[in-house]
C-alpha atoms as a PDB file:
ATOM      1  CA  MET A   1       9.226   7.507 -13.830  1.00  0.00           C
ATOM      2  CA  VAL A   2       7.817  10.065 -11.376  1.00  0.00           C
ATOM      3  CA  ALA A   3       6.615  12.299 -14.204  1.00  0.00           C
ATOM      4  CA  GLN A   4       4.851   9.340 -15.836  1.00  0.00           C
ATOM      5  CA  VAL A   5       3.032   8.428 -12.600  1.00  0.00           C
ATOM      6  CA  ALA A   6       2.026  12.052 -12.075  1.00  0.00           C
ATOM      7  CA  ASP A   7       0.718  12.317 -15.647  1.00  0.00           C
ATOM      8  CA  THR A   8      -1.386   9.161 -15.309  1.00  0.00           C
ATOM      9  CA  PHE A   9      -2.733  10.429 -11.970  1.00  0.00           C
ATOM     10  CA  LEU A  10      -3.751  13.726 -13.533  1.00  0.00           C
ATOM     11  CA  ALA A  11      -5.506  11.854 -16.363  1.00  0.00           C
ATOM     12  CA  CYS A  12      -7.385   9.577 -13.935  1.00  0.00           C
ATOM     13  CA  GLY A  13     -11.128   9.961 -14.327  1.00  0.00           C
ATOM     14  CA  VAL A  14     -10.903  12.518 -17.154  1.00  0.00           C
ATOM     15  CA  LEU A  15     -13.132  11.635 -20.112  1.00  0.00           C
ATOM     16  CA  ASP A  16     -10.703  13.211 -22.612  1.00  0.00           C
ATOM     17  CA  HIS A  17      -8.153  10.503 -21.748  1.00  0.00           C
ATOM     18  CA  GLY A  18     -10.440   7.556 -22.506  1.00  0.00           C
ATOM     19  CA  PHE A  19     -13.770   6.199 -21.415  1.00  0.00           C
ATOM     20  CA  ALA A  20     -16.195   3.318 -21.748  1.00  0.00           C
ATOM     21  CA  ARG A  21     -19.819   3.723 -22.746  1.00  0.00           C
ATOM     22  CA  ILE A  22     -22.067   1.877 -20.277  1.00  0.00           C
ATOM     23  CA  ARG A  23     -25.575   1.048 -21.479  1.00  0.00           C
ATOM     24  CA  CYS A  24     -28.491  -0.635 -19.725  1.00  0.00           C
ATOM     25  CA  GLU A  25     -30.124  -3.191 -22.014  1.00  0.00           C
ATOM     26  CA  ALA A  26     -33.486  -2.922 -20.259  1.00  0.00           C
ATOM     27  CA  CYS A  27     -34.051   0.854 -20.276  1.00  0.00           C
ATOM     28  CA  THR A  28     -31.366   1.879 -22.834  1.00  0.00           C
ATOM     29  CA  HIS A  29     -30.012   4.497 -20.406  1.00  0.00           C
ATOM     30  CA  GLU A  30     -26.311   5.046 -20.998  1.00  0.00           C
ATOM     31  CA  TYR A  31     -23.475   6.988 -19.460  1.00  0.00           C
ATOM     32  CA  LEU A  32     -19.736   7.418 -19.893  1.00  0.00           C
ATOM     33  CA  LEU A  33     -17.286   5.925 -17.422  1.00  0.00           C
ATOM     34  CA  ALA A  34     -13.812   7.472 -17.477  1.00  0.00           C
ATOM     35  CA  PHE A  35     -10.810   5.155 -17.285  1.00  0.00           C
ATOM     36  CA  SER A  36      -8.815   5.125 -14.058  1.00  0.00           C
ATOM     37  CA  CYS A  37      -5.036   5.268 -13.688  1.00  0.00           C
ATOM     38  CA  LYS A  38      -4.856   2.182 -11.420  1.00  0.00           C
ATOM     39  CA  CYS A  39      -1.935   3.748  -9.521  1.00  0.00           C
ATOM     40  CA  ARG A  40      -1.932   2.237  -6.060  1.00  0.00           C
ATOM     41  CA  TYR A  41      -0.689   4.382  -3.179  1.00  0.00           C
ATOM     42  CA  PHE A  42      -0.507   7.526  -5.297  1.00  0.00           C
ATOM     43  CA  CYS A  43      -4.063   8.118  -6.525  1.00  0.00           C
ATOM     44  CA  PRO A  44      -6.440   8.207  -3.547  1.00  0.00           C
ATOM     45  CA  SER A  45      -9.433   7.172  -5.643  1.00  0.00           C
ATOM     46  CA  CYS A  46      -7.791   4.129  -7.246  1.00  0.00           C
ATOM     47  CA  HIS A  47      -6.108   3.116  -3.993  1.00  0.00           C
ATOM     48  CA  ALA A  48      -9.418   3.223  -2.116  1.00  0.00           C
ATOM     49  CA  LYS A  49     -11.051   0.994  -4.737  1.00  0.00           C
ATOM     50  CA  ARG A  50      -8.215  -1.545  -4.651  1.00  0.00           C
ATOM     51  CA  LEU A  51      -8.193  -1.513  -0.858  1.00  0.00           C
ATOM     52  CA  ALA A  52     -11.946  -2.181  -0.750  1.00  0.00           C
ATOM     53  CA  ILE A  53     -11.586  -5.091  -3.186  1.00  0.00           C
ATOM     54  CA  TRP A  54      -8.650  -6.504  -1.214  1.00  0.00           C
ATOM     55  CA  THR A  55     -10.482  -6.321   2.131  1.00  0.00           C
ATOM     56  CA  GLN A  56     -13.523  -8.032   0.614  1.00  0.00           C
ATOM     57  CA  TRP A  57     -11.254 -10.791  -0.713  1.00  0.00           C
ATOM     58  CA  LEU A  58      -9.665 -11.145   2.733  1.00  0.00           C
ATOM     59  CA  ASP A  59     -13.055 -11.424   4.387  1.00  0.00           C
ATOM     60  CA  THR A  60     -14.517 -13.969   1.975  1.00  0.00           C
ATOM     61  CA  THR A  61     -11.465 -16.062   1.102  1.00  0.00           C
ATOM     62  CA  LEU A  62      -8.676 -15.906   3.644  1.00  0.00           C
ATOM     63  CA  LEU A  63      -9.987 -15.075   7.103  1.00  0.00           C
ATOM     64  CA  ALA A  64     -12.022 -17.514   9.164  1.00  0.00           C
ATOM     65  CA  PRO A  65     -15.542 -16.389  10.118  1.00  0.00           C
ATOM     66  CA  VAL A  66     -14.568 -15.480  13.674  1.00  0.00           C
ATOM     67  CA  PRO A  67     -14.017 -12.110  15.376  1.00  0.00           C
ATOM     68  CA  HIS A  68     -10.623 -10.568  14.634  1.00  0.00           C
ATOM     69  CA  ARG A  69      -8.645  -8.000  16.562  1.00  0.00           C
ATOM     70  CA  GLN A  70      -5.704  -5.797  15.630  1.00  0.00           C
ATOM     71  CA  LEU A  71      -3.285  -4.416  18.196  1.00  0.00           C
ATOM     72  CA  VAL A  72      -0.555  -1.868  17.722  1.00  0.00           C
ATOM     73  CA  LEU A  73       2.206  -1.944  20.306  1.00  0.00           C
ATOM     74  CA  THR A  74       4.791   0.798  20.544  1.00  0.00           C
ATOM     75  CA  ILE A  75       8.091   1.107  22.339  1.00  0.00           C
ATOM     76  CA  PRO A  76       8.597   4.198  24.530  1.00  0.00           C
ATOM     77  CA  THR A  77      10.925   6.766  23.026  1.00  0.00           C
ATOM     78  CA  ARG A  78      13.528   6.379  25.766  1.00  0.00           C
ATOM     79  CA  LEU A  79      13.888   2.642  25.051  1.00  0.00           C
ATOM     80  CA  ARG A  80      14.174   2.903  21.259  1.00  0.00           C
ATOM     81  CA  ALA A  81      17.877   3.780  21.206  1.00  0.00           C
ATOM     82  CA  SER A  82      18.639   0.873  23.549  1.00  0.00           C
ATOM     83  CA  CYS A  83      16.691  -1.510  21.330  1.00  0.00           C
ATOM     84  CA  LEU A  84      18.570  -0.307  18.293  1.00  0.00           C
ATOM     85  CA  TYR A  85      21.923  -1.387  19.708  1.00  0.00           C
ATOM     86  CA  ARG A  86      20.792  -4.266  21.921  1.00  0.00           C
ATOM     87  CA  ARG A  87      18.681  -6.516  19.694  1.00  0.00           C
ATOM     88  CA  ARG A  88      18.148  -9.102  22.433  1.00  0.00           C
ATOM     89  CA  LEU A  89      16.363  -6.440  24.473  1.00  0.00           C
ATOM     90  CA  LEU A  90      13.968  -5.899  21.570  1.00  0.00           C
ATOM     91  CA  GLY A  91      13.274  -9.633  21.424  1.00  0.00           C
ATOM     92  CA  GLU A  92      12.605  -9.763  25.155  1.00  0.00           C
ATOM     93  CA  ILE A  93      10.221  -6.795  24.936  1.00  0.00           C
ATOM     94  CA  ALA A  94       8.359  -8.561  22.099  1.00  0.00           C
ATOM     95  CA  ARG A  95       8.056 -11.761  24.156  1.00  0.00           C
ATOM     96  CA  VAL A  96       6.748  -9.863  27.200  1.00  0.00           C
ATOM     97  CA  ALA A  97       4.250  -8.022  24.988  1.00  0.00           C
ATOM     98  CA  ALA A  98       3.049 -11.292  23.421  1.00  0.00           C
ATOM     99  CA  ARG A  99       2.588 -12.916  26.842  1.00  0.00           C
ATOM    100  CA  THR A 100       0.739  -9.865  28.156  1.00  0.00           C
ATOM    101  CA  VAL A 101      -1.628  -9.678  25.181  1.00  0.00           C
ATOM    102  CA  THR A 102      -2.287 -13.435  25.293  1.00  0.00           C
ATOM    103  CA  ALA A 103      -3.051 -13.268  29.020  1.00  0.00           C
ATOM    104  CA  ALA A 104      -5.391 -10.316  28.493  1.00  0.00           C
ATOM    105  CA  ILE A 105      -7.295 -12.143  25.752  1.00  0.00           C
ATOM    106  CA  PHE A 106      -7.686 -15.323  27.803  1.00  0.00           C
ATOM    107  CA  ALA A 107      -8.751 -13.323  30.871  1.00  0.00           C
ATOM    108  CA  ARG A 108     -11.928 -12.187  29.095  1.00  0.00           C
END
């Protein structure tokens, strides 16, 4: 499986492994477009294209036309071991974080 993914990645964008001929009807200019491997998460080129398409879909179809915000909250290193064994503590930290973020947003 890994060898197959690596082989398709190495063939991505190489004309010897397949291509399409693109031709403009108006000016008859043409060029060759190499096939892509379509391997998400492994091929940076194909992943970037799929990510761009997905974010455009999110923006036009799923998300409301209002400002959005993303927050990343982390737990200090010293508390991580405690949260691992005391799951209720993790839940309480999440609730405090949610209340704090909500209060900060409404304070603006």
